[in-house]
Amino acid sequence: MWYEILPSFGIIFAAMCVPHYGAYVINKLALGNPYRRRLESPNQRLTYIRDRRLTGNVYNVAGLDAIPDN
């Protein structure tokens, strides 16, 4: 019958969801933030380094108020 496919469908569906939600949990535990920043282009890497230098946390938005007035 058609319902015999449901266990196989459930296993495949769960196997396809595990990497997505697993990465969310691992990033939350390791970094304190569930979302990673992509560092694929040189501009994104420079922005990452700038945010880490200015605010100490790469996930905080670094606006003009984060730049010291020297």
PDB file of N, CA and C in Angstrom:
ATOM      1  N   MET A   1       0.827  -1.183   0.000  1.00  0.00           N
ATOM      2  CA  MET A   1       0.000   0.000   0.000  1.00  0.00           C
ATOM      3  C   MET A   1       0.877   1.255   0.000  1.00  0.00           C
ATOM      4  N   TRP A   2       0.226   2.372  -0.231  1.00  0.00           N
ATOM      5  CA  TRP A   2       0.951   3.631  -0.327  1.00  0.00           C
ATOM      6  C   TRP A   2       1.563   4.056   1.007  1.00  0.00           C
ATOM      7  N   TYR A   3       0.984   3.688   2.116  1.00  0.00           N
ATOM      8  CA  TYR A   3       1.480   4.129   3.427  1.00  0.00           C
ATOM      9  C   TYR A   3       2.749   3.389   3.854  1.00  0.00           C
ATOM     10  N   GLU A   4       3.156   2.384   3.127  1.00  0.00           N
ATOM     11  CA  GLU A   4       4.392   1.678   3.446  1.00  0.00           C
ATOM     12  C   GLU A   4       5.627   2.536   3.164  1.00  0.00           C
ATOM     13  N   ILE A   5       5.462   3.594   2.398  1.00  0.00           N
ATOM     14  CA  ILE A   5       6.573   4.485   2.098  1.00  0.00           C
ATOM     15  C   ILE A   5       6.819   5.482   3.222  1.00  0.00           C
ATOM     16  N   LEU A   6       5.880   5.661   4.145  1.00  0.00           N
ATOM     17  CA  LEU A   6       5.998   6.679   5.189  1.00  0.00           C
ATOM     18  C   LEU A   6       7.210   6.484   6.115  1.00  0.00           C
ATOM     19  N   PRO A   7       7.522   5.283   6.591  1.00  0.00           N
ATOM     20  CA  PRO A   7       8.736   5.153   7.418  1.00  0.00           C
ATOM     21  C   PRO A   7      10.016   5.536   6.664  1.00  0.00           C
ATOM     22  N   SER A   8      10.127   5.126   5.421  1.00  0.00           N
ATOM     23  CA  SER A   8      11.300   5.489   4.627  1.00  0.00           C
ATOM     24  C   SER A   8      11.360   6.991   4.404  1.00  0.00           C
ATOM     25  N   PHE A   9      10.209   7.591   4.132  1.00  0.00           N
ATOM     26  CA  PHE A   9      10.150   9.038   3.940  1.00  0.00           C
ATOM     27  C   PHE A   9      10.569   9.761   5.223  1.00  0.00           C
ATOM     28  N   GLY A  10      10.126   9.286   6.359  1.00  0.00           N
ATOM     29  CA  GLY A  10      10.494   9.898   7.636  1.00  0.00           C
ATOM     30  C   GLY A  10      11.988   9.823   7.902  1.00  0.00           C
ATOM     31  N   ILE A  11      12.604   8.689   7.590  1.00  0.00           N
ATOM     32  CA  ILE A  11      14.042   8.528   7.799  1.00  0.00           C
ATOM     33  C   ILE A  11      14.828   9.470   6.889  1.00  0.00           C
ATOM     34  N   ILE A  12      14.460   9.531   5.633  1.00  0.00           N
ATOM     35  CA  ILE A  12      15.145  10.409   4.679  1.00  0.00           C
ATOM     36  C   ILE A  12      14.953  11.869   5.074  1.00  0.00           C
ATOM     37  N   PHE A  13      13.748  12.236   5.466  1.00  0.00           N
ATOM     38  CA  PHE A  13      13.469  13.615   5.870  1.00  0.00           C
ATOM     39  C   PHE A  13      14.297  13.997   7.095  1.00  0.00           C
ATOM     40  N   ALA A  14      14.370  13.125   8.076  1.00  0.00           N
ATOM     41  CA  ALA A  14      15.161  13.395   9.279  1.00  0.00           C
ATOM     42  C   ALA A  14      16.649  13.496   8.936  1.00  0.00           C
ATOM     43  N   ALA A  15      17.129  12.637   8.059  1.00  0.00           N
ATOM     44  CA  ALA A  15      18.541  12.675   7.679  1.00  0.00           C
ATOM     45  C   ALA A  15      18.895  13.960   6.941  1.00  0.00           C
ATOM     46  N   MET A  16      17.940  14.531   6.225  1.00  0.00           N
ATOM     47  CA  MET A  16      18.204  15.769   5.517  1.00  0.00           C
ATOM     48  C   MET A  16      18.082  16.988   6.427  1.00  0.00           C
ATOM     49  N   CYS A  17      17.369  16.885   7.528  1.00  0.00           N
ATOM     50  CA  CYS A  17      17.209  18.000   8.460  1.00  0.00           C
ATOM     51  C   CYS A  17      18.328  18.067   9.490  1.00  0.00           C
ATOM     52  N   VAL A  18      18.959  16.952   9.788  1.00  0.00           N
ATOM     53  CA  VAL A  18      19.972  16.904  10.843  1.00  0.00           C
ATOM     54  C   VAL A  18      21.142  17.857  10.583  1.00  0.00           C
ATOM     55  N   PRO A  19      21.739  17.941   9.389  1.00  0.00           N
ATOM     56  CA  PRO A  19      22.867  18.864   9.211  1.00  0.00           C
ATOM     57  C   PRO A  19      22.492  20.328   9.428  1.00  0.00           C
ATOM     58  N   HIS A  20      21.320  20.711   8.965  1.00  0.00           N
ATOM     59  CA  HIS A  20      20.899  22.105   9.105  1.00  0.00           C
ATOM     60  C   HIS A  20      20.719  22.473  10.572  1.00  0.00           C
ATOM     61  N   TYR A  21      19.955  21.709  11.293  1.00  0.00           N
ATOM     62  CA  TYR A  21      19.691  22.022  12.697  1.00  0.00           C
ATOM     63  C   TYR A  21      20.891  21.679  13.574  1.00  0.00           C
ATOM     64  N   GLY A  22      21.692  20.720  13.164  1.00  0.00           N
ATOM     65  CA  GLY A  22      22.909  20.404  13.909  1.00  0.00           C
ATOM     66  C   GLY A  22      23.903  21.554  13.866  1.00  0.00           C
ATOM     67  N   ALA A  23      24.061  22.188  12.713  1.00  0.00           N
ATOM     68  CA  ALA A  23      24.954  23.343  12.596  1.00  0.00           C
ATOM     69  C   ALA A  23      24.456  24.491  13.453  1.00  0.00           C
ATOM     70  N   TYR A  24      23.154  24.675  13.509  1.00  0.00           N
ATOM     71  CA  TYR A  24      22.560  25.724  14.349  1.00  0.00           C
ATOM     72  C   TYR A  24      22.933  25.498  15.816  1.00  0.00           C
ATOM     73  N   VAL A  25      22.778  24.273  16.291  1.00  0.00           N
ATOM     74  CA  VAL A  25      23.053  23.950  17.694  1.00  0.00           C
ATOM     75  C   VAL A  25      24.545  24.049  17.986  1.00  0.00           C
ATOM     76  N   ILE A  26      25.387  23.540  17.108  1.00  0.00           N
ATOM     77  CA  ILE A  26      26.832  23.572  17.332  1.00  0.00           C
ATOM     78  C   ILE A  26      27.338  25.008  17.359  1.00  0.00           C
ATOM     79  N   ASN A  27      26.870  25.852  16.439  1.00  0.00           N
ATOM     80  CA  ASN A  27      27.284  27.258  16.444  1.00  0.00           C
ATOM     81  C   ASN A  27      26.790  27.972  17.688  1.00  0.00           C
ATOM     82  N   LYS A  28      25.604  27.646  18.141  1.00  0.00           N
ATOM     83  CA  LYS A  28      25.069  28.261  19.358  1.00  0.00           C
ATOM     84  C   LYS A  28      25.922  27.888  20.565  1.00  0.00           C
ATOM     85  N   LEU A  29      26.338  26.626  20.656  1.00  0.00           N
ATOM     86  CA  LEU A  29      27.159  26.191  21.782  1.00  0.00           C
ATOM     87  C   LEU A  29      28.598  26.713  21.680  1.00  0.00           C
ATOM     88  N   ALA A  30      29.180  26.690  20.499  1.00  0.00           N
ATOM     89  CA  ALA A  30      30.589  27.047  20.344  1.00  0.00           C
ATOM     90  C   ALA A  30      30.807  28.554  20.285  1.00  0.00           C
ATOM     91  N   LEU A  31      29.944  29.272  19.578  1.00  0.00           N
ATOM     92  CA  LEU A  31      30.164  30.696  19.348  1.00  0.00           C
ATOM     93  C   LEU A  31      29.248  31.592  20.163  1.00  0.00           C
ATOM     94  N   GLY A  32      28.200  31.032  20.717  1.00  0.00           N
ATOM     95  CA  GLY A  32      27.240  31.858  21.436  1.00  0.00           C
ATOM     96  C   GLY A  32      26.225  32.508  20.522  1.00  0.00           C
ATOM     97  N   ASN A  33      26.326  32.253  19.239  1.00  0.00           N
ATOM     98  CA  ASN A  33      25.398  32.807  18.262  1.00  0.00           C
ATOM     99  C   ASN A  33      25.103  31.702  17.258  1.00  0.00           C
ATOM    100  N   PRO A  34      23.841  31.454  16.946  1.00  0.00           N
ATOM    101  CA  PRO A  34      23.536  30.332  16.060  1.00  0.00           C
ATOM    102  C   PRO A  34      23.889  30.559  14.593  1.00  0.00           C
ATOM    103  N   TYR A  35      24.257  31.773  14.220  1.00  0.00           N
ATOM    104  CA  TYR A  35      24.515  32.056  12.811  1.00  0.00           C
ATOM    105  C   TYR A  35      25.983  32.373  12.603  1.00  0.00           C
ATOM    106  N   ARG A  36      26.581  31.744  11.626  1.00  0.00           N
ATOM    107  CA  ARG A  36      27.969  32.018  11.290  1.00  0.00           C
ATOM    108  C   ARG A  36      28.034  33.130  10.269  1.00  0.00           C
ATOM    109  N   ARG A  37      29.146  33.828  10.245  1.00  0.00           N
ATOM    110  CA  ARG A  37      29.377  34.803   9.191  1.00  0.00           C
ATOM    111  C   ARG A  37      30.194  34.131   8.109  1.00  0.00           C
ATOM    112  N   ARG A  38      29.865  34.429   6.890  1.00  0.00           N
ATOM    113  CA  ARG A  38      30.619  33.868   5.770  1.00  0.00           C
ATOM    114  C   ARG A  38      31.824  34.762   5.497  1.00  0.00           C
ATOM    115  N   LEU A  39      32.947  34.143   5.264  1.00  0.00           N
ATOM    116  CA  LEU A  39      34.178  34.877   5.001  1.00  0.00           C
ATOM    117  C   LEU A  39      34.717  34.479   3.635  1.00  0.00           C
ATOM    118  N   GLU A  40      33.868  34.568   2.621  1.00  0.00           N
ATOM    119  CA  GLU A  40      34.227  34.094   1.291  1.00  0.00           C
ATOM    120  C   GLU A  40      34.969  35.134   0.466  1.00  0.00           C
ATOM    121  N   SER A  41      34.687  36.399   0.668  1.00  0.00           N
ATOM    122  CA  SER A  41      35.344  37.431  -0.131  1.00  0.00           C
ATOM    123  C   SER A  41      36.282  38.238   0.763  1.00  0.00           C
ATOM    124  N   PRO A  42      37.250  38.911   0.168  1.00  0.00           N
ATOM    125  CA  PRO A  42      38.167  39.734   0.973  1.00  0.00           C
ATOM    126  C   PRO A  42      37.445  40.845   1.735  1.00  0.00           C
ATOM    127  N   ASN A  43      36.403  41.410   1.147  1.00  0.00           N
ATOM    128  CA  ASN A  43      35.656  42.472   1.816  1.00  0.00           C
ATOM    129  C   ASN A  43      34.961  41.946   3.074  1.00  0.00           C
ATOM    130  N   GLN A  44      34.404  40.759   3.006  1.00  0.00           N
ATOM    131  CA  GLN A  44      33.750  40.177   4.176  1.00  0.00           C
ATOM    132  C   GLN A  44      34.770  39.863   5.268  1.00  0.00           C
ATOM    133  N   ARG A  45      35.965  39.414   4.879  1.00  0.00           N
ATOM    134  CA  ARG A  45      37.010  39.135   5.870  1.00  0.00           C
ATOM    135  C   ARG A  45      37.466  40.419   6.553  1.00  0.00           C
ATOM    136  N   LEU A  46      37.629  41.495   5.778  1.00  0.00           N
ATOM    137  CA  LEU A  46      38.042  42.766   6.372  1.00  0.00           C
ATOM    138  C   LEU A  46      36.974  43.313   7.311  1.00  0.00           C
ATOM    139  N   THR A  47      35.709  43.160   6.957  1.00  0.00           N
ATOM    140  CA  THR A  47      34.622  43.591   7.830  1.00  0.00           C
ATOM    141  C   THR A  47      34.603  42.787   9.118  1.00  0.00           C
ATOM    142  N   TYR A  48      34.862  41.504   9.020  1.00  0.00           N
ATOM    143  CA  TYR A  48      34.931  40.632  10.192  1.00  0.00           C
ATOM    144  C   TYR A  48      36.039  41.087  11.137  1.00  0.00           C
ATOM    145  N   ILE A  49      37.204  41.333  10.583  1.00  0.00           N
ATOM    146  CA  ILE A  49      38.346  41.763  11.400  1.00  0.00           C
ATOM    147  C   ILE A  49      38.070  43.136  12.013  1.00  0.00           C
ATOM    148  N   ARG A  50      37.458  44.045  11.248  1.00  0.00           N
ATOM    149  CA  ARG A  50      37.135  45.371  11.767  1.00  0.00           C
ATOM    150  C   ARG A  50      36.161  45.292  12.931  1.00  0.00           C
ATOM    151  N   ASP A  51      35.112  44.489  12.780  1.00  0.00           N
ATOM    152  CA  ASP A  51      34.123  44.370  13.856  1.00  0.00           C
ATOM    153  C   ASP A  51      34.735  43.746  15.100  1.00  0.00           C
ATOM    154  N   ARG A  52      35.614  42.773  14.921  1.00  0.00           N
ATOM    155  CA  ARG A  52      36.261  42.149  16.070  1.00  0.00           C
ATOM    156  C   ARG A  52      37.190  43.143  16.769  1.00  0.00           C
ATOM    157  N   ARG A  53      37.865  43.995  15.997  1.00  0.00           N
ATOM    158  CA  ARG A  53      38.775  44.974  16.571  1.00  0.00           C
ATOM    159  C   ARG A  53      38.020  46.079  17.301  1.00  0.00           C
ATOM    160  N   LEU A  54      36.913  46.563  16.733  1.00  0.00           N
ATOM    161  CA  LEU A  54      36.197  47.695  17.312  1.00  0.00           C
ATOM    162  C   LEU A  54      35.327  47.324  18.503  1.00  0.00           C
ATOM    163  N   THR A  55      34.610  46.222  18.409  1.00  0.00           N
ATOM    164  CA  THR A  55      33.641  45.903  19.456  1.00  0.00           C
ATOM    165  C   THR A  55      34.034  44.699  20.291  1.00  0.00           C
ATOM    166  N   GLY A  56      34.975  43.902  19.843  1.00  0.00           N
ATOM    167  CA  GLY A  56      35.357  42.708  20.570  1.00  0.00           C
ATOM    168  C   GLY A  56      34.457  41.523  20.281  1.00  0.00           C
ATOM    169  N   ASN A  57      33.347  41.752  19.632  1.00  0.00           N
ATOM    170  CA  ASN A  57      32.411  40.685  19.271  1.00  0.00           C
ATOM    171  C   ASN A  57      32.024  40.906  17.821  1.00  0.00           C
ATOM    172  N   VAL A  58      32.238  39.911  16.987  1.00  0.00           N
ATOM    173  CA  VAL A  58      31.997  40.085  15.555  1.00  0.00           C
ATOM    174  C   VAL A  58      30.515  40.133  15.207  1.00  0.00           C
ATOM    175  N   TYR A  59      29.640  39.810  16.153  1.00  0.00           N
ATOM    176  CA  TYR A  59      28.213  39.804  15.863  1.00  0.00           C
ATOM    177  C   TYR A  59      27.523  41.086  16.296  1.00  0.00           C
ATOM    178  N   ASN A  60      28.228  41.975  16.989  1.00  0.00           N
ATOM    179  CA  ASN A  60      27.660  43.278  17.310  1.00  0.00           C
ATOM    180  C   ASN A  60      27.825  44.193  16.105  1.00  0.00           C
ATOM    181  N   VAL A  61      26.834  45.011  15.847  1.00  0.00           N
ATOM    182  CA  VAL A  61      26.918  45.941  14.732  1.00  0.00           C
ATOM    183  C   VAL A  61      27.859  47.068  15.134  1.00  0.00           C
ATOM    184  N   ALA A  62      28.852  47.335  14.313  1.00  0.00           N
ATOM    185  CA  ALA A  62      29.824  48.388  14.591  1.00  0.00           C
ATOM    186  C   ALA A  62      29.460  49.617  13.787  1.00  0.00           C
ATOM    187  N   GLY A  63      28.866  50.596  14.443  1.00  0.00           N
ATOM    188  CA  GLY A  63      28.519  51.851  13.781  1.00  0.00           C
ATOM    189  C   GLY A  63      29.569  52.905  14.074  1.00  0.00           C
ATOM    190  N   LEU A  64      29.242  54.151  13.785  1.00  0.00           N
ATOM    191  CA  LEU A  64      30.177  55.244  14.030  1.00  0.00           C
ATOM    192  C   LEU A  64      30.435  55.447  15.513  1.00  0.00           C
ATOM    193  N   ASP A  65      29.483  55.074  16.361  1.00  0.00           N
ATOM    194  CA  ASP A  65      29.683  55.261  17.797  1.00  0.00           C
ATOM    195  C   ASP A  65      30.708  54.275  18.368  1.00  0.00           C
ATOM    196  N   ALA A  66      31.072  53.237  17.650  1.00  0.00           N
ATOM    197  CA  ALA A  66      32.059  52.273  18.118  1.00  0.00           C
ATOM    198  C   ALA A  66      33.490  52.723  17.826  1.00  0.00           C
ATOM    199  N   ILE A  67      33.654  53.731  16.972  1.00  0.00           N
ATOM    200  CA  ILE A  67      34.988  54.222  16.602  1.00  0.00           C
ATOM    201  C   ILE A  67      35.420  55.263  17.642  1.00  0.00           C
ATOM    202  N   PRO A  68      36.593  55.083  18.233  1.00  0.00           N
ATOM    203  CA  PRO A  68      37.047  56.045  19.255  1.00  0.00           C
ATOM    204  C   PRO A  68      37.346  57.405  18.649  1.00  0.00           C
ATOM    205  N   ASP A  69      37.191  58.459  19.447  1.00  0.00           N
ATOM    206  CA  ASP A  69      37.423  59.851  18.988  1.00  0.00           C
ATOM    207  C   ASP A  69      38.835  60.293  19.341  1.00  0.00           C
ATOM    208  N   ASN A  70      39.828  59.747  18.704  1.00  0.00           N
ATOM    209  CA  ASN A  70      41.224  60.119  18.994  1.00  0.00           C
ATOM    210  C   ASN A  70      41.644  61.234  18.083  1.00  0.00           C
TER     211      ASN A  70
END
